[in-house]
Amino acid sequence: MNVHDRAYELAKAIKESSEYNDMLAIRAQISQDASSKNALEDFRQRQNELQQKMAAGAMPPPEEMEKLQKLYDELALNPGIKRLFDAERRLSIVLEDVQRIIAEPLQAMLK
């Protein structure tokens, strides 16, 4: 068994999953609405900036975190964007499960 071949099979299975395809379909719907698309892009940009600060070891001020949370809450009032957030969350859970399963052999090795 070739591990790389299995990894490609896993990638294909993820791309064929309902979680992945639901997320893509909802994204496509949102991209048709300029207002929703722009609001989501703005949110993603701010979210990415905060994540980069945190990755660099700098903790953003609480005010920035609160602003981002408020923006998220406002966006979640939009039914399409809320569906996207929910779809992203479902896909994230699948990917976390996969990561946990993949890490099991390594954890066993460290015991």
C-alpha atoms as a PDB file:
ATOM      1  CA  MET A   1       0.000   0.000   0.000  1.00  0.00           C
ATOM      2  CA  ASN A   2       1.393   3.373  -1.024  1.00  0.00           C
ATOM      3  CA  VAL A   3       0.635   6.070   1.544  1.00  0.00           C
ATOM      4  CA  HIS A   4       0.719   8.820  -1.083  1.00  0.00           C
ATOM      5  CA  ASP A   5      -1.850   7.025  -3.211  1.00  0.00           C
ATOM      6  CA  ARG A   6      -4.120   6.742  -0.175  1.00  0.00           C
ATOM      7  CA  ALA A   7      -3.646  10.448   0.540  1.00  0.00           C
ATOM      8  CA  TYR A   8      -4.801  11.263  -2.995  1.00  0.00           C
ATOM      9  CA  GLU A   9      -7.786   8.950  -2.494  1.00  0.00           C
ATOM     10  CA  LEU A  10      -8.612  10.802   0.711  1.00  0.00           C
ATOM     11  CA  ALA A  11      -8.351  14.169  -1.046  1.00  0.00           C
ATOM     12  CA  LYS A  12     -10.709  12.887  -3.743  1.00  0.00           C
ATOM     13  CA  ALA A  13     -13.157  11.603  -1.113  1.00  0.00           C
ATOM     14  CA  ILE A  14     -13.141  14.999   0.598  1.00  0.00           C
ATOM     15  CA  LYS A  15     -13.831  16.743  -2.711  1.00  0.00           C
ATOM     16  CA  GLU A  16     -16.731  14.360  -3.322  1.00  0.00           C
ATOM     17  CA  SER A  17     -18.179  14.759   0.168  1.00  0.00           C
ATOM     18  CA  SER A  18     -21.513  16.443   0.719  1.00  0.00           C
ATOM     19  CA  GLU A  19     -19.881  18.824   3.215  1.00  0.00           C
ATOM     20  CA  TYR A  20     -17.374  20.063   0.634  1.00  0.00           C
ATOM     21  CA  ASN A  21     -19.881  20.308  -2.202  1.00  0.00           C
ATOM     22  CA  ASP A  22     -22.482  22.047  -0.052  1.00  0.00           C
ATOM     23  CA  MET A  23     -19.905  24.647   0.880  1.00  0.00           C
ATOM     24  CA  LEU A  24     -18.931  25.213  -2.761  1.00  0.00           C
ATOM     25  CA  ALA A  25     -22.561  25.553  -3.835  1.00  0.00           C
ATOM     26  CA  ILE A  26     -23.319  28.083  -1.107  1.00  0.00           C
ATOM     27  CA  ARG A  27     -20.176  30.063  -1.968  1.00  0.00           C
ATOM     28  CA  ALA A  28     -21.299  30.193  -5.592  1.00  0.00           C
ATOM     29  CA  GLN A  29     -24.698  31.520  -4.517  1.00  0.00           C
ATOM     30  CA  ILE A  30     -23.121  34.199  -2.355  1.00  0.00           C
ATOM     31  CA  SER A  31     -20.813  35.291  -5.165  1.00  0.00           C
ATOM     32  CA  GLN A  32     -23.938  36.165  -7.183  1.00  0.00           C
ATOM     33  CA  ASP A  33     -24.948  38.773  -4.568  1.00  0.00           C
ATOM     34  CA  ALA A  34     -22.411  41.614  -4.673  1.00  0.00           C
ATOM     35  CA  SER A  35     -23.394  42.999  -1.286  1.00  0.00           C
ATOM     36  CA  SER A  36     -23.032  39.650   0.500  1.00  0.00           C
ATOM     37  CA  LYS A  37     -19.866  38.834  -1.408  1.00  0.00           C
ATOM     38  CA  ASN A  38     -18.208  42.147  -0.479  1.00  0.00           C
ATOM     39  CA  ALA A  39     -19.243  41.898   3.170  1.00  0.00           C
ATOM     40  CA  LEU A  40     -17.881  38.365   3.389  1.00  0.00           C
ATOM     41  CA  GLU A  41     -14.615  39.322   1.670  1.00  0.00           C
ATOM     42  CA  ASP A  42     -14.171  42.207   4.119  1.00  0.00           C
ATOM     43  CA  PHE A  43     -14.766  39.853   7.039  1.00  0.00           C
ATOM     44  CA  ARG A  44     -12.313  37.275   5.673  1.00  0.00           C
ATOM     45  CA  GLN A  45      -9.649  39.953   5.186  1.00  0.00           C
ATOM     46  CA  ARG A  46     -10.027  41.199   8.766  1.00  0.00           C
ATOM     47  CA  GLN A  47     -10.083  37.637  10.068  1.00  0.00           C
ATOM     48  CA  ASN A  48      -6.918  36.808   8.131  1.00  0.00           C
ATOM     49  CA  GLU A  49      -5.124  39.909   9.436  1.00  0.00           C
ATOM     50  CA  LEU A  50      -5.909  38.946  13.036  1.00  0.00           C
ATOM     51  CA  GLN A  51      -4.813  35.365  12.445  1.00  0.00           C
ATOM     52  CA  GLN A  52      -1.524  36.571  10.957  1.00  0.00           C
ATOM     53  CA  LYS A  53      -0.904  38.767  14.001  1.00  0.00           C
ATOM     54  CA  MET A  54      -1.595  35.856  16.303  1.00  0.00           C
ATOM     55  CA  ALA A  55       0.641  33.533  14.279  1.00  0.00           C
ATOM     56  CA  ALA A  56       3.424  36.099  14.605  1.00  0.00           C
ATOM     57  CA  GLY A  57       3.011  35.970  18.370  1.00  0.00           C
ATOM     58  CA  ALA A  58       1.219  39.278  18.775  1.00  0.00           C
ATOM     59  CA  MET A  59      -2.080  39.185  20.585  1.00  0.00           C
ATOM     60  CA  PRO A  60      -4.513  41.606  18.954  1.00  0.00           C
ATOM     61  CA  PRO A  61      -6.209  44.094  21.266  1.00  0.00           C
ATOM     62  CA  PRO A  62      -9.517  42.890  22.692  1.00  0.00           C
ATOM     63  CA  GLU A  63     -11.269  45.684  20.799  1.00  0.00           C
ATOM     64  CA  GLU A  64     -10.197  44.173  17.470  1.00  0.00           C
ATOM     65  CA  MET A  65     -11.408  40.745  18.529  1.00  0.00           C
ATOM     66  CA  GLU A  66     -14.734  42.236  19.620  1.00  0.00           C
ATOM     67  CA  LYS A  67     -15.109  44.085  16.305  1.00  0.00           C
ATOM     68  CA  LEU A  68     -14.514  40.882  14.390  1.00  0.00           C
ATOM     69  CA  GLN A  69     -17.021  38.996  16.550  1.00  0.00           C
ATOM     70  CA  LYS A  70     -19.631  41.735  16.024  1.00  0.00           C
ATOM     71  CA  LEU A  71     -19.015  41.643  12.295  1.00  0.00           C
ATOM     72  CA  TYR A  72     -19.407  37.858  12.342  1.00  0.00           C
ATOM     73  CA  ASP A  73     -22.667  38.185  14.270  1.00  0.00           C
ATOM     74  CA  GLU A  74     -23.960  40.748  11.761  1.00  0.00           C
ATOM     75  CA  LEU A  75     -22.995  38.575   8.804  1.00  0.00           C
ATOM     76  CA  ALA A  76     -24.678  35.558  10.395  1.00  0.00           C
ATOM     77  CA  LEU A  77     -27.970  37.460  10.146  1.00  0.00           C
ATOM     78  CA  ASN A  78     -27.692  37.092   6.371  1.00  0.00           C
ATOM     79  CA  PRO A  79     -29.302  33.691   5.629  1.00  0.00           C
ATOM     80  CA  GLY A  80     -26.902  32.845   2.798  1.00  0.00           C
ATOM     81  CA  ILE A  81     -23.791  33.741   4.763  1.00  0.00           C
ATOM     82  CA  LYS A  82     -25.117  31.895   7.808  1.00  0.00           C
ATOM     83  CA  ARG A  83     -25.570  28.800   5.634  1.00  0.00           C
ATOM     84  CA  LEU A  84     -21.973  29.226   4.442  1.00  0.00           C
ATOM     85  CA  PHE A  85     -20.648  29.533   7.995  1.00  0.00           C
ATOM     86  CA  ASP A  86     -22.593  26.397   8.939  1.00  0.00           C
ATOM     87  CA  ALA A  87     -21.292  24.513   5.880  1.00  0.00           C
ATOM     88  CA  GLU A  88     -17.722  25.582   6.641  1.00  0.00           C
ATOM     89  CA  ARG A  89     -18.153  24.403  10.220  1.00  0.00           C
ATOM     90  CA  ARG A  90     -19.393  20.979   9.047  1.00  0.00           C
ATOM     91  CA  LEU A  91     -16.442  20.618   6.667  1.00  0.00           C
ATOM     92  CA  SER A  92     -14.059  21.722   9.399  1.00  0.00           C
ATOM     93  CA  ILE A  93     -15.388  18.979  11.686  1.00  0.00           C
ATOM     94  CA  VAL A  94     -14.780  16.380   8.964  1.00  0.00           C
ATOM     95  CA  LEU A  95     -11.234  17.645   8.423  1.00  0.00           C
ATOM     96  CA  GLU A  96     -10.530  17.668  12.171  1.00  0.00           C
ATOM     97  CA  ASP A  97     -11.750  14.076  12.389  1.00  0.00           C
ATOM     98  CA  VAL A  98      -9.478  13.097   9.515  1.00  0.00           C
ATOM     99  CA  GLN A  99      -6.525  14.847  11.169  1.00  0.00           C
ATOM    100  CA  ARG A 100      -7.204  13.040  14.446  1.00  0.00           C
ATOM    101  CA  ILE A 101      -7.406   9.679  12.669  1.00  0.00           C
ATOM    102  CA  ILE A 102      -4.188  10.314  10.757  1.00  0.00           C
ATOM    103  CA  ALA A 103      -2.387  11.356  13.941  1.00  0.00           C
ATOM    104  CA  GLU A 104      -3.331   8.170  15.834  1.00  0.00           C
ATOM    105  CA  PRO A 105      -0.315   6.122  14.648  1.00  0.00           C
ATOM    106  CA  LEU A 106       2.023   8.922  15.668  1.00  0.00           C
ATOM    107  CA  GLN A 107       0.471   9.198  19.103  1.00  0.00           C
ATOM    108  CA  ALA A 108       0.770   5.449  19.613  1.00  0.00           C
ATOM    109  CA  MET A 109       4.425   5.669  18.683  1.00  0.00           C
ATOM    110  CA  LEU A 110       5.068   8.305  21.351  1.00  0.00           C
ATOM    111  CA  LYS A 111       3.648   6.212  24.189  1.00  0.00           C
END
